Amino acid sequence: MRKIIQFIKESYAELRRVVWPGKEDVVSSVKVVIISTILFAAVLGLVDVLLLLGIQAIF
């Protein structure tokens, strides 16, 4: 039980030292993730369509 309490105290102390990102940083990161996801999905969709057309042309 003593180790659990010590772990919780150390975790809390560590969280107080964390430098949390600001709102602008978070919004910027979210934009990058959303745009990257959309672009990646578009590229995969294009590859899927091209492969489907290629397979249909062969058979």
PDB file of N, CA and C in Angstrom:
ATOM      1  N   MET A   1       0.820  -1.187   0.000  1.00  0.00           N
ATOM      2  CA  MET A   1       0.000   0.000   0.000  1.00  0.00           C
ATOM      3  C   MET A   1       0.869   1.257   0.000  1.00  0.00           C
ATOM      4  N   ARG A   2       1.991   1.174   0.680  1.00  0.00           N
ATOM      5  CA  ARG A   2       2.901   2.308   0.766  1.00  0.00           C
ATOM      6  C   ARG A   2       3.471   2.665  -0.613  1.00  0.00           C
ATOM      7  N   LYS A   3       3.764   1.645  -1.412  1.00  0.00           N
ATOM      8  CA  LYS A   3       4.305   1.881  -2.754  1.00  0.00           C
ATOM      9  C   LYS A   3       3.272   2.534  -3.657  1.00  0.00           C
ATOM     10  N   ILE A   4       2.019   2.170  -3.490  1.00  0.00           N
ATOM     11  CA  ILE A   4       0.955   2.758  -4.307  1.00  0.00           C
ATOM     12  C   ILE A   4       0.813   4.245  -3.982  1.00  0.00           C
ATOM     13  N   ILE A   5       0.823   4.570  -2.705  1.00  0.00           N
ATOM     14  CA  ILE A   5       0.707   5.973  -2.293  1.00  0.00           C
ATOM     15  C   ILE A   5       1.912   6.764  -2.793  1.00  0.00           C
ATOM     16  N   GLN A   6       3.086   6.187  -2.688  1.00  0.00           N
ATOM     17  CA  GLN A   6       4.298   6.850  -3.166  1.00  0.00           C
ATOM     18  C   GLN A   6       4.209   7.068  -4.680  1.00  0.00           C
ATOM     19  N   PHE A   7       3.732   6.075  -5.396  1.00  0.00           N
ATOM     20  CA  PHE A   7       3.584   6.192  -6.849  1.00  0.00           C
ATOM     21  C   PHE A   7       2.631   7.331  -7.209  1.00  0.00           C
ATOM     22  N   ILE A   8       1.519   7.426  -6.511  1.00  0.00           N
ATOM     23  CA  ILE A   8       0.534   8.483  -6.785  1.00  0.00           C
ATOM     24  C   ILE A   8       1.136   9.855  -6.497  1.00  0.00           C
ATOM     25  N   LYS A   9       1.861   9.980  -5.401  1.00  0.00           N
ATOM     26  CA  LYS A   9       2.491  11.259  -5.067  1.00  0.00           C
ATOM     27  C   LYS A   9       3.527  11.653  -6.118  1.00  0.00           C
ATOM     28  N   GLU A  10       4.335  10.693  -6.554  1.00  0.00           N
ATOM     29  CA  GLU A  10       5.350  10.980  -7.568  1.00  0.00           C
ATOM     30  C   GLU A  10       4.707  11.320  -8.908  1.00  0.00           C
ATOM     31  N   SER A  11       3.634  10.634  -9.241  1.00  0.00           N
ATOM     32  CA  SER A  11       2.931  10.921 -10.492  1.00  0.00           C
ATOM     33  C   SER A  11       2.359  12.323 -10.474  1.00  0.00           C
ATOM     34  N   TYR A  12       1.751  12.705  -9.370  1.00  0.00           N
ATOM     35  CA  TYR A  12       1.188  14.042  -9.232  1.00  0.00           C
ATOM     36  C   TYR A  12       2.286  15.099  -9.344  1.00  0.00           C
ATOM     37  N   ALA A  13       3.408  14.857  -8.696  1.00  0.00           N
ATOM     38  CA  ALA A  13       4.528  15.804  -8.754  1.00  0.00           C
ATOM     39  C   ALA A  13       5.052  15.923 -10.184  1.00  0.00           C
ATOM     40  N   GLU A  14       5.105  14.822 -10.885  1.00  0.00           N
ATOM     41  CA  GLU A  14       5.584  14.835 -12.272  1.00  0.00           C
ATOM     42  C   GLU A  14       4.621  15.596 -13.172  1.00  0.00           C
ATOM     43  N   LEU A  15       3.331  15.421 -12.955  1.00  0.00           N
ATOM     44  CA  LEU A  15       2.338  16.130 -13.769  1.00  0.00           C
ATOM     45  C   LEU A  15       2.400  17.638 -13.548  1.00  0.00           C
ATOM     46  N   ARG A  16       2.808  18.058 -12.384  1.00  0.00           N
ATOM     47  CA  ARG A  16       2.917  19.496 -12.115  1.00  0.00           C
ATOM     48  C   ARG A  16       4.094  20.101 -12.869  1.00  0.00           C
ATOM     49  N   ARG A  17       5.091  19.291 -13.246  1.00  0.00           N
ATOM     50  CA  ARG A  17       6.261  19.797 -13.974  1.00  0.00           C
ATOM     51  C   ARG A  17       6.056  19.788 -15.481  1.00  0.00           C
ATOM     52  N   VAL A  18       4.997  19.168 -15.932  1.00  0.00           N
ATOM     53  CA  VAL A  18       4.737  19.069 -17.370  1.00  0.00           C
ATOM     54  C   VAL A  18       4.402  20.451 -17.926  1.00  0.00           C
ATOM     55  N   VAL A  19       4.969  20.751 -19.079  1.00  0.00           N
ATOM     56  CA  VAL A  19       4.644  21.994 -19.768  1.00  0.00           C
ATOM     57  C   VAL A  19       3.553  21.662 -20.782  1.00  0.00           C
ATOM     58  N   TRP A  20       2.318  22.066 -20.468  1.00  0.00           N
ATOM     59  CA  TRP A  20       1.185  21.739 -21.315  1.00  0.00           C
ATOM     60  C   TRP A  20       1.137  22.696 -22.502  1.00  0.00           C
ATOM     61  N   PRO A  21       0.771  22.185 -23.682  1.00  0.00           N
ATOM     62  CA  PRO A  21       0.704  23.064 -24.855  1.00  0.00           C
ATOM     63  C   PRO A  21      -0.447  24.060 -24.730  1.00  0.00           C
ATOM     64  N   GLY A  22      -0.262  25.192 -25.363  1.00  0.00           N
ATOM     65  CA  GLY A  22      -1.309  26.213 -25.359  1.00  0.00           C
ATOM     66  C   GLY A  22      -2.390  25.888 -26.380  1.00  0.00           C
ATOM     67  N   LYS A  23      -3.434  26.671 -26.344  1.00  0.00           N
ATOM     68  CA  LYS A  23      -4.574  26.443 -27.228  1.00  0.00           C
ATOM     69  C   LYS A  23      -4.152  26.534 -28.693  1.00  0.00           C
ATOM     70  N   GLU A  24      -3.313  27.509 -29.026  1.00  0.00           N
ATOM     71  CA  GLU A  24      -2.875  27.689 -30.410  1.00  0.00           C
ATOM     72  C   GLU A  24      -2.093  26.464 -30.896  1.00  0.00           C
ATOM     73  N   ASP A  25      -1.242  25.919 -30.046  1.00  0.00           N
ATOM     74  CA  ASP A  25      -0.471  24.734 -30.416  1.00  0.00           C
ATOM     75  C   ASP A  25      -1.380  23.538 -30.665  1.00  0.00           C
ATOM     76  N   VAL A  26      -2.369  23.370 -29.809  1.00  0.00           N
ATOM     77  CA  VAL A  26      -3.293  22.244 -29.948  1.00  0.00           C
ATOM     78  C   VAL A  26      -4.110  22.380 -31.229  1.00  0.00           C
ATOM     79  N   VAL A  27      -4.632  23.572 -31.480  1.00  0.00           N
ATOM     80  CA  VAL A  27      -5.435  23.804 -32.688  1.00  0.00           C
ATOM     81  C   VAL A  27      -4.582  23.566 -33.930  1.00  0.00           C
ATOM     82  N   SER A  28      -3.370  24.039 -33.917  1.00  0.00           N
ATOM     83  CA  SER A  28      -2.461  23.847 -35.048  1.00  0.00           C
ATOM     84  C   SER A  28      -2.189  22.364 -35.288  1.00  0.00           C
ATOM     85  N   SER A  29      -1.940  21.636 -34.225  1.00  0.00           N
ATOM     86  CA  SER A  29      -1.677  20.198 -34.357  1.00  0.00           C
ATOM     87  C   SER A  29      -2.900  19.451 -34.874  1.00  0.00           C
ATOM     88  N   VAL A  30      -4.076  19.828 -34.394  1.00  0.00           N
ATOM     89  CA  VAL A  30      -5.309  19.180 -34.840  1.00  0.00           C
ATOM     90  C   VAL A  30      -5.526  19.435 -36.327  1.00  0.00           C
ATOM     91  N   LYS A  31      -5.257  20.656 -36.785  1.00  0.00           N
ATOM     92  CA  LYS A  31      -5.389  20.969 -38.209  1.00  0.00           C
ATOM     93  C   LYS A  31      -4.464  20.104 -39.046  1.00  0.00           C
ATOM     94  N   VAL A  32      -3.225  19.954 -38.601  1.00  0.00           N
ATOM     95  CA  VAL A  32      -2.256  19.129 -39.329  1.00  0.00           C
ATOM     96  C   VAL A  32      -2.743  17.684 -39.409  1.00  0.00           C
ATOM     97  N   VAL A  33      -3.238  17.164 -38.309  1.00  0.00           N
ATOM     98  CA  VAL A  33      -3.709  15.781 -38.282  1.00  0.00           C
ATOM     99  C   VAL A  33      -4.912  15.589 -39.206  1.00  0.00           C
ATOM    100  N   ILE A  34      -5.862  16.516 -39.166  1.00  0.00           N
ATOM    101  CA  ILE A  34      -7.063  16.384 -40.003  1.00  0.00           C
ATOM    102  C   ILE A  34      -6.704  16.477 -41.481  1.00  0.00           C
ATOM    103  N   ILE A  35      -5.873  17.455 -41.850  1.00  0.00           N
ATOM    104  CA  ILE A  35      -5.478  17.601 -43.253  1.00  0.00           C
ATOM    105  C   ILE A  35      -4.686  16.387 -43.723  1.00  0.00           C
ATOM    106  N   SER A  36      -3.765  15.896 -42.895  1.00  0.00           N
ATOM    107  CA  SER A  36      -2.978  14.710 -43.258  1.00  0.00           C
ATOM    108  C   SER A  36      -3.873  13.501 -43.445  1.00  0.00           C
ATOM    109  N   THR A  37      -4.847  13.341 -42.575  1.00  0.00           N
ATOM    110  CA  THR A  37      -5.767  12.205 -42.668  1.00  0.00           C
ATOM    111  C   THR A  37      -6.586  12.271 -43.953  1.00  0.00           C
ATOM    112  N   ILE A  38      -7.085  13.452 -44.281  1.00  0.00           N
ATOM    113  CA  ILE A  38      -7.876  13.612 -45.501  1.00  0.00           C
ATOM    114  C   ILE A  38      -7.020  13.327 -46.737  1.00  0.00           C
ATOM    115  N   LEU A  39      -5.798  13.862 -46.771  1.00  0.00           N
ATOM    116  CA  LEU A  39      -4.918  13.620 -47.915  1.00  0.00           C
ATOM    117  C   LEU A  39      -4.564  12.140 -48.047  1.00  0.00           C
ATOM    118  N   PHE A  40      -4.262  11.510 -46.935  1.00  0.00           N
ATOM    119  CA  PHE A  40      -3.904  10.085 -46.956  1.00  0.00           C
ATOM    120  C   PHE A  40      -5.086   9.242 -47.428  1.00  0.00           C
ATOM    121  N   ALA A  41      -6.282   9.579 -46.960  1.00  0.00           N
ATOM    122  CA  ALA A  41      -7.481   8.853 -47.391  1.00  0.00           C
ATOM    123  C   ALA A  41      -7.723   9.053 -48.877  1.00  0.00           C
ATOM    124  N   ALA A  42      -7.502  10.267 -49.377  1.00  0.00           N
ATOM    125  CA  ALA A  42      -7.688  10.533 -50.806  1.00  0.00           C
ATOM    126  C   ALA A  42      -6.697   9.735 -51.649  1.00  0.00           C
ATOM    127  N   VAL A  43      -5.445   9.690 -51.214  1.00  0.00           N
ATOM    128  CA  VAL A  43      -4.436   8.929 -51.950  1.00  0.00           C
ATOM    129  C   VAL A  43      -4.779   7.439 -51.943  1.00  0.00           C
ATOM    130  N   LEU A  44      -5.158   6.914 -50.792  1.00  0.00           N
ATOM    131  CA  LEU A  44      -5.532   5.496 -50.726  1.00  0.00           C
ATOM    132  C   LEU A  44      -6.768   5.210 -51.568  1.00  0.00           C
ATOM    133  N   GLY A  45      -7.733   6.120 -51.577  1.00  0.00           N
ATOM    134  CA  GLY A  45      -8.922   5.949 -52.407  1.00  0.00           C
ATOM    135  C   GLY A  45      -8.570   5.942 -53.879  1.00  0.00           C
ATOM    136  N   LEU A  46      -7.669   6.828 -54.290  1.00  0.00           N
ATOM    137  CA  LEU A  46      -7.228   6.865 -55.681  1.00  0.00           C
ATOM    138  C   LEU A  46      -6.514   5.570 -56.067  1.00  0.00           C
ATOM    139  N   VAL A  47      -5.635   5.104 -55.217  1.00  0.00           N
ATOM    140  CA  VAL A  47      -4.940   3.838 -55.481  1.00  0.00           C
ATOM    141  C   VAL A  47      -5.941   2.697 -55.577  1.00  0.00           C
ATOM    142  N   ASP A  48      -6.934   2.681 -54.711  1.00  0.00           N
ATOM    143  CA  ASP A  48      -7.962   1.645 -54.723  1.00  0.00           C
ATOM    144  C   ASP A  48      -8.724   1.654 -56.045  1.00  0.00           C
ATOM    145  N   VAL A  49      -9.119   2.847 -56.482  1.00  0.00           N
ATOM    146  CA  VAL A  49      -9.857   2.960 -57.747  1.00  0.00           C
ATOM    147  C   VAL A  49      -8.997   2.526 -58.919  1.00  0.00           C
ATOM    148  N   LEU A  50      -7.746   2.946 -58.933  1.00  0.00           N
ATOM    149  CA  LEU A  50      -6.862   2.564 -60.033  1.00  0.00           C
ATOM    150  C   LEU A  50      -6.625   1.051 -60.065  1.00  0.00           C
ATOM    151  N   LEU A  51      -6.432   0.457 -58.908  1.00  0.00           N
ATOM    152  CA  LEU A  51      -6.250  -0.998 -58.869  1.00  0.00           C
ATOM    153  C   LEU A  51      -7.523  -1.716 -59.316  1.00  0.00           C
ATOM    154  N   LEU A  52      -8.669  -1.224 -58.898  1.00  0.00           N
ATOM    155  CA  LEU A  52      -9.940  -1.816 -59.312  1.00  0.00           C
ATOM    156  C   LEU A  52     -10.111  -1.728 -60.820  1.00  0.00           C
ATOM    157  N   LEU A  53      -9.810  -0.573 -61.404  1.00  0.00           N
ATOM    158  CA  LEU A  53      -9.912  -0.425 -62.861  1.00  0.00           C
ATOM    159  C   LEU A  53      -8.924  -1.338 -63.577  1.00  0.00           C
ATOM    160  N   GLY A  54      -7.731  -1.449 -63.022  1.00  0.00           N
ATOM    161  CA  GLY A  54      -6.726  -2.340 -63.626  1.00  0.00           C
ATOM    162  C   GLY A  54      -7.167  -3.790 -63.587  1.00  0.00           C
ATOM    163  N   ILE A  55      -7.716  -4.219 -62.476  1.00  0.00           N
ATOM    164  CA  ILE A  55      -8.182  -5.611 -62.342  1.00  0.00           C
ATOM    165  C   ILE A  55      -9.361  -5.849 -63.267  1.00  0.00           C
ATOM    166  N   GLN A  56     -10.264  -4.898 -63.376  1.00  0.00           N
ATOM    167  CA  GLN A  56     -11.418  -5.052 -64.260  1.00  0.00           C
ATOM    168  C   GLN A  56     -10.982  -5.077 -65.722  1.00  0.00           C
ATOM    169  N   ALA A  57      -9.930  -4.346 -66.066  1.00  0.00           N
ATOM    170  CA  ALA A  57      -9.421  -4.354 -67.442  1.00  0.00           C
ATOM    171  C   ALA A  57      -8.796  -5.696 -67.790  1.00  0.00           C
ATOM    172  N   ILE A  58      -8.162  -6.317 -66.814  1.00  0.00           N
ATOM    173  CA  ILE A  58      -7.526  -7.622 -67.048  1.00  0.00           C
ATOM    174  C   ILE A  58      -8.566  -8.730 -67.169  1.00  0.00           C
ATOM    175  N   PHE A  59      -9.560  -8.712 -66.311  1.00  0.00           N
ATOM    176  CA  PHE A  59     -10.557  -9.777 -66.314  1.00  0.00           C
ATOM    177  C   PHE A  59     -11.789  -9.289 -66.984  1.00  0.00           C
TER     178      PHE A  59
END
